[in-house]
Amino acid sequence: MTAAVEVDARERLRIIRNSKSVALVGVSANPIRSSNFVASYLIRTDFVTYPVNPMYDEVLGMRCHPSLADLPESLNCASCHDPHG
């Protein structure tokens, strides 16, 4: 796994625009959680969306992966969610 690198806002936007898939790390099946809102939005876009949370088998009808290492492809974009925030 590679280390996180600090990038400016323009570089972050370029990464997002060039991404085809996104991992939702810490996504919740609870509809009042912000991570669930983000997931419900992303599944309506062209992104291939991978929920990642070892506590769930499925979120919003999508298979939930226990870790990033379990995803079927490498990613260059992830949205990380705090389970307590």
N, C-alpha and C. Protein backbone atom coordinates (compact mmCIF):
# COMPACT_ATOMS: atom_id res chain seq x y z
N MET A 1 0.84 -1.16 0.00
CA MET A 1 0.00 0.00 0.00
C MET A 1 0.89 1.24 0.00
N THR A 2 0.50 2.28 -0.71
CA THR A 2 1.31 3.48 -0.79
C THR A 2 0.89 4.48 0.28
N ALA A 3 1.79 5.35 0.63
CA ALA A 3 1.53 6.37 1.65
C ALA A 3 0.72 7.51 1.05
N ALA A 4 -0.04 8.18 1.90
CA ALA A 4 -0.80 9.36 1.47
C ALA A 4 0.17 10.49 1.16
N VAL A 5 -0.15 11.27 0.14
CA VAL A 5 0.68 12.39 -0.27
C VAL A 5 -0.17 13.66 -0.22
N GLU A 6 0.40 14.72 0.35
CA GLU A 6 -0.31 16.00 0.39
C GLU A 6 -0.36 16.59 -1.02
N VAL A 7 -1.55 16.99 -1.45
CA VAL A 7 -1.71 17.63 -2.75
C VAL A 7 -2.61 18.85 -2.59
N ASP A 8 -2.49 19.80 -3.53
CA ASP A 8 -3.32 20.99 -3.45
C ASP A 8 -4.71 20.71 -4.01
N ALA A 9 -5.59 21.69 -3.91
CA ALA A 9 -6.99 21.53 -4.31
C ALA A 9 -7.13 21.18 -5.80
N ARG A 10 -6.33 21.78 -6.65
CA ARG A 10 -6.41 21.48 -8.08
C ARG A 10 -6.02 20.04 -8.38
N GLU A 11 -5.01 19.55 -7.69
CA GLU A 11 -4.59 18.16 -7.89
C GLU A 11 -5.66 17.20 -7.37
N ARG A 12 -6.28 17.52 -6.25
CA ARG A 12 -7.37 16.67 -5.73
C ARG A 12 -8.52 16.62 -6.73
N LEU A 13 -8.88 17.76 -7.30
CA LEU A 13 -9.95 17.80 -8.30
C LEU A 13 -9.58 16.99 -9.53
N ARG A 14 -8.32 17.06 -9.97
CA ARG A 14 -7.87 16.27 -11.12
C ARG A 14 -7.98 14.78 -10.83
N ILE A 15 -7.60 14.37 -9.61
CA ILE A 15 -7.69 12.96 -9.23
C ILE A 15 -9.15 12.50 -9.28
N ILE A 16 -10.04 13.29 -8.72
CA ILE A 16 -11.46 12.91 -8.71
C ILE A 16 -12.01 12.83 -10.13
N ARG A 17 -11.70 13.81 -10.95
CA ARG A 17 -12.21 13.82 -12.33
C ARG A 17 -11.69 12.66 -13.16
N ASN A 18 -10.49 12.18 -12.87
CA ASN A 18 -9.91 11.08 -13.63
C ASN A 18 -10.17 9.71 -13.03
N SER A 19 -10.85 9.67 -11.91
CA SER A 19 -11.14 8.40 -11.26
C SER A 19 -12.34 7.72 -11.90
N LYS A 20 -12.28 6.41 -11.94
CA LYS A 20 -13.39 5.61 -12.45
C LYS A 20 -14.12 4.90 -11.31
N SER A 21 -13.40 4.70 -10.19
CA SER A 21 -13.98 3.99 -9.06
C SER A 21 -13.58 4.67 -7.76
N VAL A 22 -14.39 4.43 -6.74
CA VAL A 22 -14.13 5.03 -5.43
C VAL A 22 -14.50 4.02 -4.34
N ALA A 23 -13.65 3.96 -3.32
CA ALA A 23 -13.94 3.12 -2.15
C ALA A 23 -14.53 4.01 -1.07
N LEU A 24 -15.56 3.53 -0.41
CA LEU A 24 -16.18 4.25 0.72
C LEU A 24 -15.78 3.52 1.99
N VAL A 25 -14.68 3.95 2.57
CA VAL A 25 -14.12 3.27 3.75
C VAL A 25 -14.88 3.71 4.99
N GLY A 26 -15.43 2.74 5.72
CA GLY A 26 -16.19 3.03 6.93
C GLY A 26 -17.64 3.36 6.65
N VAL A 27 -18.13 3.02 5.47
CA VAL A 27 -19.52 3.31 5.11
C VAL A 27 -20.48 2.61 6.08
N SER A 28 -21.61 3.26 6.35
CA SER A 28 -22.60 2.70 7.27
C SER A 28 -23.88 2.33 6.52
N ALA A 29 -24.55 1.30 6.99
CA ALA A 29 -25.85 0.92 6.45
C ALA A 29 -26.97 1.77 7.06
N ASN A 30 -26.64 2.56 8.07
CA ASN A 30 -27.61 3.41 8.75
C ASN A 30 -27.90 4.63 7.89
N PRO A 31 -29.15 4.83 7.45
CA PRO A 31 -29.45 5.92 6.53
C PRO A 31 -29.28 7.33 7.11
N ILE A 32 -29.13 7.46 8.42
CA ILE A 32 -28.93 8.81 8.97
C ILE A 32 -27.45 9.19 9.04
N ARG A 33 -26.56 8.26 8.72
CA ARG A 33 -25.12 8.54 8.74
C ARG A 33 -24.69 9.22 7.43
N SER A 34 -23.75 10.14 7.54
CA SER A 34 -23.29 10.87 6.35
C SER A 34 -22.67 9.93 5.32
N SER A 35 -22.00 8.89 5.77
CA SER A 35 -21.37 7.95 4.83
C SER A 35 -22.42 7.24 3.98
N ASN A 36 -23.60 6.98 4.54
CA ASN A 36 -24.67 6.35 3.79
C ASN A 36 -25.21 7.33 2.74
N PHE A 37 -25.29 8.60 3.10
CA PHE A 37 -25.73 9.63 2.15
C PHE A 37 -24.75 9.71 0.97
N VAL A 38 -23.45 9.72 1.27
CA VAL A 38 -22.43 9.77 0.22
C VAL A 38 -22.56 8.54 -0.68
N ALA A 39 -22.74 7.37 -0.09
CA ALA A 39 -22.88 6.14 -0.86
C ALA A 39 -24.13 6.20 -1.75
N SER A 40 -25.24 6.67 -1.19
CA SER A 40 -26.49 6.73 -1.98
C SER A 40 -26.34 7.71 -3.15
N TYR A 41 -25.55 8.75 -2.98
CA TYR A 41 -25.28 9.67 -4.09
C TYR A 41 -24.38 8.99 -5.14
N LEU A 42 -23.27 8.41 -4.69
CA LEU A 42 -22.29 7.86 -5.63
C LEU A 42 -22.83 6.72 -6.47
N ILE A 43 -23.76 5.93 -5.95
CA ILE A 43 -24.29 4.81 -6.75
C ILE A 43 -25.16 5.32 -7.90
N ARG A 44 -25.52 6.59 -7.87
CA ARG A 44 -26.28 7.18 -8.98
C ARG A 44 -25.39 7.89 -9.99
N THR A 45 -24.08 7.77 -9.83
CA THR A 45 -23.12 8.40 -10.75
C THR A 45 -22.46 7.33 -11.61
N ASP A 46 -21.50 7.74 -12.40
CA ASP A 46 -20.76 6.79 -13.25
C ASP A 46 -19.62 6.10 -12.52
N PHE A 47 -19.36 6.49 -11.26
CA PHE A 47 -18.30 5.83 -10.49
C PHE A 47 -18.68 4.39 -10.17
N VAL A 48 -17.71 3.49 -10.26
CA VAL A 48 -17.87 2.15 -9.69
C VAL A 48 -17.61 2.35 -8.20
N THR A 49 -18.58 1.99 -7.38
CA THR A 49 -18.52 2.29 -5.95
C THR A 49 -18.31 1.02 -5.15
N TYR A 50 -17.30 1.04 -4.26
CA TYR A 50 -16.98 -0.11 -3.43
C TYR A 50 -17.15 0.25 -1.96
N PRO A 51 -18.23 -0.20 -1.31
CA PRO A 51 -18.35 -0.01 0.14
C PRO A 51 -17.30 -0.87 0.85
N VAL A 52 -16.68 -0.30 1.89
CA VAL A 52 -15.67 -1.03 2.67
C VAL A 52 -15.98 -0.85 4.15
N ASN A 53 -16.38 -1.95 4.78
CA ASN A 53 -16.62 -1.95 6.22
C ASN A 53 -16.77 -3.42 6.66
N PRO A 54 -15.92 -3.90 7.56
CA PRO A 54 -15.99 -5.30 7.96
C PRO A 54 -17.25 -5.64 8.76
N MET A 55 -18.01 -4.63 9.18
CA MET A 55 -19.21 -4.89 9.98
C MET A 55 -20.44 -5.26 9.14
N TYR A 56 -20.37 -5.06 7.82
CA TYR A 56 -21.53 -5.30 6.96
C TYR A 56 -21.19 -6.24 5.82
N ASP A 57 -22.18 -7.02 5.40
CA ASP A 57 -22.05 -7.83 4.20
C ASP A 57 -22.54 -7.05 2.98
N GLU A 58 -23.47 -6.09 3.22
CA GLU A 58 -24.08 -5.34 2.14
C GLU A 58 -24.49 -3.96 2.63
N VAL A 59 -24.34 -2.97 1.78
CA VAL A 59 -24.81 -1.61 2.05
C VAL A 59 -25.48 -1.09 0.79
N LEU A 60 -26.73 -0.67 0.92
CA LEU A 60 -27.51 -0.14 -0.21
C LEU A 60 -27.53 -1.09 -1.41
N GLY A 61 -27.62 -2.37 -1.12
CA GLY A 61 -27.68 -3.37 -2.18
C GLY A 61 -26.35 -3.72 -2.82
N MET A 62 -25.27 -3.13 -2.32
CA MET A 62 -23.93 -3.42 -2.86
C MET A 62 -23.16 -4.30 -1.87
N ARG A 63 -22.38 -5.23 -2.40
CA ARG A 63 -21.53 -6.05 -1.55
C ARG A 63 -20.56 -5.15 -0.80
N CYS A 64 -20.45 -5.36 0.50
CA CYS A 64 -19.54 -4.57 1.32
C CYS A 64 -18.27 -5.38 1.56
N HIS A 65 -17.12 -4.80 1.27
CA HIS A 65 -15.84 -5.48 1.40
C HIS A 65 -15.26 -5.23 2.79
N PRO A 66 -14.63 -6.23 3.39
CA PRO A 66 -14.08 -6.06 4.74
C PRO A 66 -12.88 -5.12 4.82
N SER A 67 -12.12 -4.97 3.73
CA SER A 67 -10.94 -4.09 3.75
C SER A 67 -10.60 -3.67 2.33
N LEU A 68 -9.75 -2.65 2.21
CA LEU A 68 -9.29 -2.22 0.89
C LEU A 68 -8.55 -3.34 0.16
N ALA A 69 -7.86 -4.18 0.91
CA ALA A 69 -7.11 -5.29 0.30
C ALA A 69 -8.04 -6.30 -0.37
N ASP A 70 -9.32 -6.31 0.01
CA ASP A 70 -10.27 -7.26 -0.56
C ASP A 70 -10.97 -6.76 -1.82
N LEU A 71 -10.67 -5.56 -2.26
CA LEU A 71 -11.32 -5.01 -3.46
C LEU A 71 -10.79 -5.69 -4.71
N PRO A 72 -11.63 -5.80 -5.75
CA PRO A 72 -11.21 -6.49 -6.97
C PRO A 72 -10.29 -5.68 -7.87
N GLU A 73 -10.07 -4.41 -7.57
CA GLU A 73 -9.18 -3.58 -8.38
C GLU A 73 -8.47 -2.56 -7.49
N SER A 74 -7.37 -1.99 -8.00
CA SER A 74 -6.70 -0.90 -7.27
C SER A 74 -7.47 0.38 -7.53
N LEU A 75 -7.39 1.25 -6.57
CA LEU A 75 -8.12 2.51 -6.66
C LEU A 75 -7.17 3.68 -6.58
N ASN A 76 -7.64 4.82 -7.03
CA ASN A 76 -6.89 6.05 -6.78
C ASN A 76 -7.76 7.08 -6.08
N CYS A 77 -8.92 6.65 -5.60
CA CYS A 77 -9.81 7.56 -4.91
C CYS A 77 -10.56 6.80 -3.81
N ALA A 78 -10.54 7.37 -2.60
CA ALA A 78 -11.27 6.77 -1.48
C ALA A 78 -11.89 7.88 -0.65
N SER A 79 -13.06 7.60 -0.12
CA SER A 79 -13.74 8.51 0.79
C SER A 79 -13.76 7.80 2.14
N CYS A 80 -13.13 8.40 3.14
CA CYS A 80 -12.99 7.76 4.45
C CYS A 80 -13.96 8.40 5.44
N HIS A 81 -14.65 7.56 6.20
CA HIS A 81 -15.68 8.03 7.12
C HIS A 81 -15.42 7.52 8.53
N ASP A 82 -15.51 8.42 9.48
CA ASP A 82 -15.31 8.12 10.89
C ASP A 82 -16.61 7.55 11.46
N PRO A 83 -16.56 6.36 12.05
CA PRO A 83 -17.79 5.76 12.59
C PRO A 83 -18.37 6.53 13.77
N HIS A 84 -17.60 7.44 14.36
CA HIS A 84 -18.07 8.20 15.52
C HIS A 84 -18.40 9.63 15.18
N GLY A 85 -18.22 10.00 13.92
CA GLY A 85 -18.44 11.40 13.54
C GLY A 85 -19.61 11.61 12.65
